[in-house]
Every structure is written in C-alpha cells, then in structure tokens.
Amino acid sequence: MRNLTNPAWIRAKGALFLLLGMLAVALILVQRPTLQVAALLIIAIWAFCRFYYFAFCVIEHYVDSTYRFTGLLSFARYLIGRHNTGEVS
C-alpha cells in the first residue's frame, strides 16, 4: 500500500476519523444518556490521546531519540525489548 501524501486527502482522512469518533460517542450517549457515562467517555478519550502522545512523541524525543516508531505494534515491541532497527517512519 502506498503512503498517503496528498494534503487534501490527509485532511479528509483526519476529518473522517473525527466524524467516526463523534458518531461513536453520540451513539453511546444515546444508548446510555447519563453524566457518569459521559464523564467516563471523556476520561477514556483523553487518556488514550495522552497515551498516543506518550508512545510517539515523548519516547522518541525524550527517551530514545534513535528509535522511530511505525505504529502501536512497533511501540509494544519496543516496550518488551525487541528493537527492530529496520523500522523507520
């Protein structure tokens, strides 16, 4: 599969991810419209965003500047110690 390089398609992909996330949250809140569910969704989304930032920015820039992550599976391999130096983003 080729890398996506067209800026318009990259923006469209980002917008579709945002739309998908908003739709999922809306459907969950329609099914269980409580403040507790809304708060738990907000906390979960925030925590996953922070984990993603940690996995790809913090580790790469502050812990190991020689390693480049290509995805969450690459990060998992990094955490358990199986460094694959052939992976470059």
N, C-alpha and C. Protein backbone atom coordinates (compact mmCIF):
# COMPACT_ATOMS: atom_id res chain seq x y z
N MET A 1 0.84 -1.17 0.00
CA MET A 1 0.00 0.00 0.00
C MET A 1 0.89 1.24 0.00
N ARG A 2 0.51 2.20 -0.80
CA ARG A 2 1.29 3.44 -0.89
C ARG A 2 0.99 4.35 0.29
N ASN A 3 1.94 5.23 0.60
CA ASN A 3 1.72 6.23 1.64
C ASN A 3 0.81 7.34 1.10
N LEU A 4 -0.02 7.85 1.97
CA LEU A 4 -0.91 8.95 1.61
C LEU A 4 -0.11 10.23 1.67
N THR A 5 -0.01 10.95 0.56
CA THR A 5 0.82 12.16 0.52
C THR A 5 0.04 13.41 0.12
N ASN A 6 -1.14 13.27 -0.44
CA ASN A 6 -1.91 14.42 -0.88
C ASN A 6 -2.50 15.12 0.34
N PRO A 7 -2.16 16.41 0.56
CA PRO A 7 -2.65 17.14 1.74
C PRO A 7 -4.18 17.16 1.86
N ALA A 8 -4.89 17.24 0.76
CA ALA A 8 -6.35 17.27 0.82
C ALA A 8 -6.89 15.93 1.33
N TRP A 9 -6.32 14.83 0.86
CA TRP A 9 -6.76 13.50 1.31
C TRP A 9 -6.36 13.25 2.76
N ILE A 10 -5.22 13.78 3.17
CA ILE A 10 -4.80 13.64 4.58
C ILE A 10 -5.79 14.37 5.48
N ARG A 11 -6.20 15.59 5.08
CA ARG A 11 -7.19 16.33 5.86
C ARG A 11 -8.53 15.59 5.88
N ALA A 12 -8.92 15.04 4.73
CA ALA A 12 -10.18 14.31 4.65
C ALA A 12 -10.13 13.09 5.57
N LYS A 13 -9.01 12.40 5.60
CA LYS A 13 -8.86 11.24 6.48
C LYS A 13 -8.98 11.65 7.94
N GLY A 14 -8.35 12.76 8.32
CA GLY A 14 -8.45 13.27 9.68
C GLY A 14 -9.88 13.64 10.03
N ALA A 15 -10.57 14.29 9.09
CA ALA A 15 -11.97 14.67 9.32
C ALA A 15 -12.85 13.43 9.48
N LEU A 16 -12.58 12.40 8.70
CA LEU A 16 -13.36 11.17 8.83
C LEU A 16 -13.11 10.48 10.17
N PHE A 17 -11.87 10.49 10.65
CA PHE A 17 -11.59 9.94 11.98
C PHE A 17 -12.35 10.73 13.05
N LEU A 18 -12.33 12.05 12.95
CA LEU A 18 -13.06 12.88 13.91
C LEU A 18 -14.56 12.58 13.84
N LEU A 19 -15.11 12.49 12.65
CA LEU A 19 -16.53 12.19 12.47
C LEU A 19 -16.87 10.82 13.06
N LEU A 20 -16.04 9.83 12.80
CA LEU A 20 -16.27 8.49 13.33
C LEU A 20 -16.26 8.49 14.86
N GLY A 21 -15.30 9.19 15.45
CA GLY A 21 -15.24 9.28 16.91
C GLY A 21 -16.45 9.98 17.49
N MET A 22 -16.86 11.08 16.87
CA MET A 22 -18.03 11.81 17.35
C MET A 22 -19.30 10.98 17.22
N LEU A 23 -19.42 10.23 16.12
CA LEU A 23 -20.57 9.36 15.93
C LEU A 23 -20.61 8.26 16.98
N ALA A 24 -19.47 7.67 17.27
CA ALA A 24 -19.41 6.61 18.29
C ALA A 24 -19.82 7.15 19.66
N VAL A 25 -19.30 8.32 20.03
CA VAL A 25 -19.65 8.93 21.31
C VAL A 25 -21.14 9.25 21.36
N ALA A 26 -21.67 9.81 20.27
CA ALA A 26 -23.09 10.15 20.23
C ALA A 26 -23.96 8.90 20.38
N LEU A 27 -23.60 7.82 19.71
CA LEU A 27 -24.38 6.59 19.81
C LEU A 27 -24.33 5.99 21.21
N ILE A 28 -23.16 6.07 21.85
CA ILE A 28 -23.05 5.58 23.23
C ILE A 28 -23.92 6.42 24.16
N LEU A 29 -23.87 7.73 23.99
CA LEU A 29 -24.66 8.61 24.86
C LEU A 29 -26.16 8.49 24.60
N VAL A 30 -26.56 8.17 23.38
CA VAL A 30 -27.97 7.93 23.09
C VAL A 30 -28.43 6.66 23.78
N GLN A 31 -27.56 5.65 23.79
CA GLN A 31 -27.91 4.38 24.42
C GLN A 31 -27.92 4.49 25.95
N ARG A 32 -26.97 5.21 26.53
CA ARG A 32 -26.85 5.37 27.98
C ARG A 32 -26.62 6.85 28.32
N PRO A 33 -27.69 7.66 28.29
CA PRO A 33 -27.53 9.11 28.48
C PRO A 33 -27.40 9.52 29.96
N THR A 34 -26.24 9.21 30.55
CA THR A 34 -26.02 9.61 31.94
C THR A 34 -24.74 10.43 32.03
N LEU A 35 -24.65 11.23 33.07
CA LEU A 35 -23.44 12.02 33.28
C LEU A 35 -22.24 11.11 33.55
N GLN A 36 -22.48 10.00 34.22
CA GLN A 36 -21.38 9.07 34.51
C GLN A 36 -20.79 8.50 33.21
N VAL A 37 -21.63 8.10 32.29
CA VAL A 37 -21.15 7.56 31.01
C VAL A 37 -20.42 8.66 30.23
N ALA A 38 -20.96 9.86 30.21
CA ALA A 38 -20.32 10.97 29.51
C ALA A 38 -18.94 11.26 30.12
N ALA A 39 -18.87 11.29 31.43
CA ALA A 39 -17.59 11.55 32.10
C ALA A 39 -16.58 10.44 31.81
N LEU A 40 -17.02 9.20 31.86
CA LEU A 40 -16.12 8.09 31.57
C LEU A 40 -15.62 8.12 30.13
N LEU A 41 -16.49 8.51 29.19
CA LEU A 41 -16.05 8.66 27.80
C LEU A 41 -14.99 9.75 27.66
N ILE A 42 -15.23 10.87 28.31
CA ILE A 42 -14.27 11.97 28.25
C ILE A 42 -12.93 11.54 28.82
N ILE A 43 -12.95 10.87 29.96
CA ILE A 43 -11.70 10.41 30.58
C ILE A 43 -10.99 9.39 29.70
N ALA A 44 -11.74 8.45 29.13
CA ALA A 44 -11.13 7.43 28.27
C ALA A 44 -10.51 8.05 27.03
N ILE A 45 -11.22 8.95 26.38
CA ILE A 45 -10.69 9.60 25.17
C ILE A 45 -9.44 10.40 25.51
N TRP A 46 -9.48 11.17 26.58
CA TRP A 46 -8.32 11.96 27.00
C TRP A 46 -7.12 11.04 27.30
N ALA A 47 -7.37 9.95 28.05
CA ALA A 47 -6.27 9.05 28.41
C ALA A 47 -5.66 8.37 27.19
N PHE A 48 -6.48 7.94 26.24
CA PHE A 48 -5.94 7.32 25.03
C PHE A 48 -5.16 8.33 24.19
N CYS A 49 -5.62 9.55 24.13
CA CYS A 49 -4.87 10.60 23.41
C CYS A 49 -3.52 10.84 24.06
N ARG A 50 -3.50 10.92 25.38
CA ARG A 50 -2.23 11.12 26.09
C ARG A 50 -1.30 9.93 25.90
N PHE A 51 -1.84 8.69 25.91
CA PHE A 51 -1.01 7.51 25.67
C PHE A 51 -0.41 7.55 24.28
N TYR A 52 -1.19 7.93 23.29
CA TYR A 52 -0.70 8.02 21.92
C TYR A 52 0.44 9.04 21.84
N TYR A 53 0.25 10.20 22.46
CA TYR A 53 1.30 11.22 22.50
C TYR A 53 2.54 10.67 23.19
N PHE A 54 2.36 9.99 24.30
CA PHE A 54 3.47 9.39 25.03
C PHE A 54 4.21 8.39 24.16
N ALA A 55 3.47 7.52 23.48
CA ALA A 55 4.09 6.46 22.68
C ALA A 55 4.90 7.02 21.52
N PHE A 56 4.43 8.06 20.89
CA PHE A 56 5.08 8.52 19.67
C PHE A 56 5.89 9.80 19.80
N CYS A 57 5.62 10.61 20.77
CA CYS A 57 6.38 11.86 20.90
C CYS A 57 7.34 11.82 22.08
N VAL A 58 6.84 11.51 23.24
CA VAL A 58 7.67 11.54 24.45
C VAL A 58 8.81 10.55 24.35
N ILE A 59 8.51 9.30 24.02
CA ILE A 59 9.56 8.28 23.95
C ILE A 59 10.58 8.66 22.88
N GLU A 60 10.11 9.04 21.71
CA GLU A 60 11.00 9.35 20.59
C GLU A 60 11.86 10.58 20.84
N HIS A 61 11.31 11.61 21.48
CA HIS A 61 12.05 12.85 21.65
C HIS A 61 12.81 12.96 22.96
N TYR A 62 12.37 12.28 24.01
CA TYR A 62 12.99 12.46 25.32
C TYR A 62 13.63 11.21 25.89
N VAL A 63 13.24 10.02 25.42
CA VAL A 63 13.77 8.79 25.99
C VAL A 63 14.78 8.13 25.07
N ASP A 64 14.41 7.91 23.81
CA ASP A 64 15.27 7.21 22.87
C ASP A 64 15.17 7.87 21.50
N SER A 65 16.00 8.85 21.25
CA SER A 65 15.92 9.62 20.00
C SER A 65 16.38 8.83 18.78
N THR A 66 16.97 7.65 18.98
CA THR A 66 17.44 6.86 17.84
C THR A 66 16.36 5.92 17.30
N TYR A 67 15.29 5.73 18.03
CA TYR A 67 14.27 4.77 17.61
C TYR A 67 13.09 5.49 17.00
N ARG A 68 12.59 4.97 15.89
CA ARG A 68 11.43 5.54 15.21
C ARG A 68 10.30 4.52 15.23
N PHE A 69 9.16 4.92 15.76
CA PHE A 69 8.02 4.04 15.86
C PHE A 69 7.20 4.10 14.58
N THR A 70 6.66 2.97 14.18
CA THR A 70 5.82 2.93 12.98
C THR A 70 4.37 2.61 13.31
N GLY A 71 4.07 2.38 14.56
CA GLY A 71 2.70 2.07 14.95
C GLY A 71 2.67 1.52 16.35
N LEU A 72 1.49 1.21 16.82
CA LEU A 72 1.35 0.72 18.19
C LEU A 72 2.00 -0.65 18.37
N LEU A 73 1.99 -1.50 17.34
CA LEU A 73 2.67 -2.79 17.43
C LEU A 73 4.18 -2.58 17.57
N SER A 74 4.72 -1.64 16.83
CA SER A 74 6.13 -1.29 16.94
C SER A 74 6.45 -0.80 18.36
N PHE A 75 5.56 0.01 18.92
CA PHE A 75 5.75 0.51 20.28
C PHE A 75 5.71 -0.63 21.29
N ALA A 76 4.79 -1.58 21.10
CA ALA A 76 4.71 -2.73 22.00
C ALA A 76 6.01 -3.54 21.95
N ARG A 77 6.53 -3.76 20.74
CA ARG A 77 7.81 -4.47 20.61
C ARG A 77 8.92 -3.71 21.32
N TYR A 78 8.91 -2.40 21.19
CA TYR A 78 9.92 -1.57 21.84
C TYR A 78 9.84 -1.74 23.36
N LEU A 79 8.61 -1.72 23.90
CA LEU A 79 8.44 -1.84 25.34
C LEU A 79 8.90 -3.19 25.89
N ILE A 80 8.71 -4.26 25.13
CA ILE A 80 9.14 -5.56 25.62
C ILE A 80 10.57 -5.88 25.24
N GLY A 81 11.24 -4.93 24.58
CA GLY A 81 12.67 -5.06 24.35
C GLY A 81 13.10 -5.64 23.02
N ARG A 82 12.17 -5.89 22.12
CA ARG A 82 12.55 -6.40 20.81
C ARG A 82 12.69 -5.25 19.84
N HIS A 83 13.82 -4.57 19.87
CA HIS A 83 14.05 -3.43 18.99
C HIS A 83 14.35 -3.93 17.58
N ASN A 84 13.65 -3.37 16.61
CA ASN A 84 13.90 -3.68 15.22
C ASN A 84 14.42 -2.42 14.58
N THR A 85 15.72 -2.32 14.40
CA THR A 85 16.32 -1.09 13.90
C THR A 85 15.97 -0.82 12.45
N GLY A 86 15.35 -1.76 11.76
CA GLY A 86 14.95 -1.55 10.38
C GLY A 86 13.70 -0.71 10.24
N GLU A 87 12.98 -0.49 11.33
CA GLU A 87 11.75 0.30 11.27
C GLU A 87 12.07 1.77 11.29
N VAL A 88 11.67 2.45 10.24
CA VAL A 88 11.86 3.89 10.16
C VAL A 88 10.56 4.49 9.65
N SER A 89 10.09 5.54 10.33
CA SER A 89 8.85 6.16 9.88
C SER A 89 9.14 7.18 8.80
